[in-house]
Amino acid sequence: MIETAAYMSYGLLSLAALMCVLRMLKARTIANRIVALDLLLVIVVLFLAVATAQTGEHSYLNVLVVVALLGFIGTALVAAFIERRGT
């Protein structure tokens, strides 16, 4: 049962990631690209969470936390850059 749910989740998350990449390519402003990139990072974290639930391997949780923190810091830094730049 968990295997079926995991594979369905992988498929839906892959579709969401593809849509985020398309949004990044079509975005006109840097702010829209950053939002799409941040959403893509959330999808990567969700991939790791599904992999953790599927395999029961707890070492993925450490990677999950590190990726989420790096994404938050990166988004905050880019937001500060955009605010200083004025666009």
C-alpha atoms as a PDB file:
ATOM      1  CA  MET A   1       0.000   0.000   0.000  1.00  0.00           C
ATOM      2  CA  ILE A   2       2.765   2.463   0.910  1.00  0.00           C
ATOM      3  CA  GLU A   3       4.632   1.551  -2.276  1.00  0.00           C
ATOM      4  CA  THR A   4       1.656   2.454  -4.461  1.00  0.00           C
ATOM      5  CA  ALA A   5       1.147   5.746  -2.644  1.00  0.00           C
ATOM      6  CA  ALA A   6       4.857   6.538  -2.931  1.00  0.00           C
ATOM      7  CA  TYR A   7       4.928   5.885  -6.678  1.00  0.00           C
ATOM      8  CA  MET A   8       1.817   7.986  -7.197  1.00  0.00           C
ATOM      9  CA  SER A   9       3.427  10.768  -5.154  1.00  0.00           C
ATOM     10  CA  TYR A  10       6.610  10.565  -7.213  1.00  0.00           C
ATOM     11  CA  GLY A  11       4.593  10.926 -10.390  1.00  0.00           C
ATOM     12  CA  LEU A  12       2.582  13.900  -9.180  1.00  0.00           C
ATOM     13  CA  LEU A  13       5.647  15.600  -7.729  1.00  0.00           C
ATOM     14  CA  SER A  14       7.479  15.101 -11.024  1.00  0.00           C
ATOM     15  CA  LEU A  15       4.610  16.768 -12.851  1.00  0.00           C
ATOM     16  CA  ALA A  16       4.671  19.663 -10.379  1.00  0.00           C
ATOM     17  CA  ALA A  17       8.447  20.004 -10.797  1.00  0.00           C
ATOM     18  CA  LEU A  18       8.075  20.131 -14.567  1.00  0.00           C
ATOM     19  CA  MET A  19       5.471  22.868 -14.252  1.00  0.00           C
ATOM     20  CA  CYS A  20       7.789  24.840 -11.955  1.00  0.00           C
ATOM     21  CA  VAL A  21      10.638  24.592 -14.448  1.00  0.00           C
ATOM     22  CA  LEU A  22       8.345  25.822 -17.213  1.00  0.00           C
ATOM     23  CA  ARG A  23       7.274  28.718 -14.996  1.00  0.00           C
ATOM     24  CA  MET A  24      10.907  29.616 -14.343  1.00  0.00           C
ATOM     25  CA  LEU A  25      11.632  29.665 -18.065  1.00  0.00           C
ATOM     26  CA  LYS A  26       8.587  31.804 -18.921  1.00  0.00           C
ATOM     27  CA  ALA A  27       8.804  34.262 -16.012  1.00  0.00           C
ATOM     28  CA  ARG A  28       9.608  37.824 -16.951  1.00  0.00           C
ATOM     29  CA  THR A  29      10.773  39.171 -13.610  1.00  0.00           C
ATOM     30  CA  ILE A  30      13.419  37.850 -11.288  1.00  0.00           C
ATOM     31  CA  ALA A  31      10.923  37.763  -8.412  1.00  0.00           C
ATOM     32  CA  ASN A  32       8.693  35.333 -10.311  1.00  0.00           C
ATOM     33  CA  ARG A  33      11.689  33.146 -11.101  1.00  0.00           C
ATOM     34  CA  ILE A  34      12.696  33.086  -7.450  1.00  0.00           C
ATOM     35  CA  VAL A  35       9.189  32.095  -6.376  1.00  0.00           C
ATOM     36  CA  ALA A  36       9.203  29.240  -8.916  1.00  0.00           C
ATOM     37  CA  LEU A  37      12.669  28.161  -7.763  1.00  0.00           C
ATOM     38  CA  ASP A  38      11.564  28.216  -4.141  1.00  0.00           C
ATOM     39  CA  LEU A  39       8.553  26.080  -5.005  1.00  0.00           C
ATOM     40  CA  LEU A  40      10.859  23.665  -6.833  1.00  0.00           C
ATOM     41  CA  LEU A  41      12.933  23.406  -3.677  1.00  0.00           C
ATOM     42  CA  VAL A  42       9.793  22.585  -1.684  1.00  0.00           C
ATOM     43  CA  ILE A  43       9.051  19.838  -4.197  1.00  0.00           C
ATOM     44  CA  VAL A  44      12.564  18.430  -3.713  1.00  0.00           C
ATOM     45  CA  VAL A  45      11.987  18.392   0.046  1.00  0.00           C
ATOM     46  CA  LEU A  46       8.711  16.554  -0.530  1.00  0.00           C
ATOM     47  CA  PHE A  47      10.527  14.011  -2.717  1.00  0.00           C
ATOM     48  CA  LEU A  48      12.889  13.382   0.184  1.00  0.00           C
ATOM     49  CA  ALA A  49       9.978  13.077   2.606  1.00  0.00           C
ATOM     50  CA  VAL A  50       8.265  10.493   0.389  1.00  0.00           C
ATOM     51  CA  ALA A  51      11.539   8.585   0.039  1.00  0.00           C
ATOM     52  CA  THR A  52      11.901   8.582   3.811  1.00  0.00           C
ATOM     53  CA  ALA A  53       8.374   7.237   4.278  1.00  0.00           C
ATOM     54  CA  GLN A  54       8.859   4.613   1.579  1.00  0.00           C
ATOM     55  CA  THR A  55      12.211   3.231   2.695  1.00  0.00           C
ATOM     56  CA  GLY A  56      12.070   3.898   6.415  1.00  0.00           C
ATOM     57  CA  GLU A  57      15.639   5.219   6.215  1.00  0.00           C
ATOM     58  CA  HIS A  58      16.011   8.032   8.730  1.00  0.00           C
ATOM     59  CA  SER A  59      19.193   9.477   7.248  1.00  0.00           C
ATOM     60  CA  TYR A  60      17.073  11.225   4.590  1.00  0.00           C
ATOM     61  CA  LEU A  61      15.588  13.392   7.328  1.00  0.00           C
ATOM     62  CA  ASN A  62      18.937  15.073   7.957  1.00  0.00           C
ATOM     63  CA  VAL A  63      19.273  15.878   4.265  1.00  0.00           C
ATOM     64  CA  LEU A  64      15.689  17.130   4.236  1.00  0.00           C
ATOM     65  CA  VAL A  65      16.368  19.622   7.020  1.00  0.00           C
ATOM     66  CA  VAL A  66      19.599  20.860   5.426  1.00  0.00           C
ATOM     67  CA  VAL A  67      17.972  21.374   2.014  1.00  0.00           C
ATOM     68  CA  ALA A  68      15.029  23.222   3.558  1.00  0.00           C
ATOM     69  CA  LEU A  69      17.299  25.520   5.575  1.00  0.00           C
ATOM     70  CA  LEU A  70      19.553  26.294   2.620  1.00  0.00           C
ATOM     71  CA  GLY A  71      16.520  27.063   0.496  1.00  0.00           C
ATOM     72  CA  PHE A  72      15.099  29.406   3.103  1.00  0.00           C
ATOM     73  CA  ILE A  73      18.400  31.245   3.503  1.00  0.00           C
ATOM     74  CA  GLY A  74      18.845  31.514  -0.259  1.00  0.00           C
ATOM     75  CA  THR A  75      15.352  32.875  -0.785  1.00  0.00           C
ATOM     76  CA  ALA A  76      15.783  35.404   2.017  1.00  0.00           C
ATOM     77  CA  LEU A  77      19.083  36.607   0.542  1.00  0.00           C
ATOM     78  CA  VAL A  78      17.636  37.010  -2.936  1.00  0.00           C
ATOM     79  CA  ALA A  79      14.602  38.833  -1.520  1.00  0.00           C
ATOM     80  CA  ALA A  80      16.916  41.262   0.264  1.00  0.00           C
ATOM     81  CA  PHE A  81      18.866  41.762  -2.973  1.00  0.00           C
ATOM     82  CA  ILE A  82      15.676  42.465  -4.919  1.00  0.00           C
ATOM     83  CA  GLU A  83      14.482  44.904  -2.260  1.00  0.00           C
ATOM     84  CA  ARG A  84      17.785  46.815  -2.330  1.00  0.00           C
ATOM     85  CA  ARG A  85      17.810  46.820  -6.129  1.00  0.00           C
ATOM     86  CA  GLY A  86      14.307  48.261  -6.305  1.00  0.00           C
ATOM     87  CA  THR A  87      12.704  46.001  -8.925  1.00  0.00           C
END
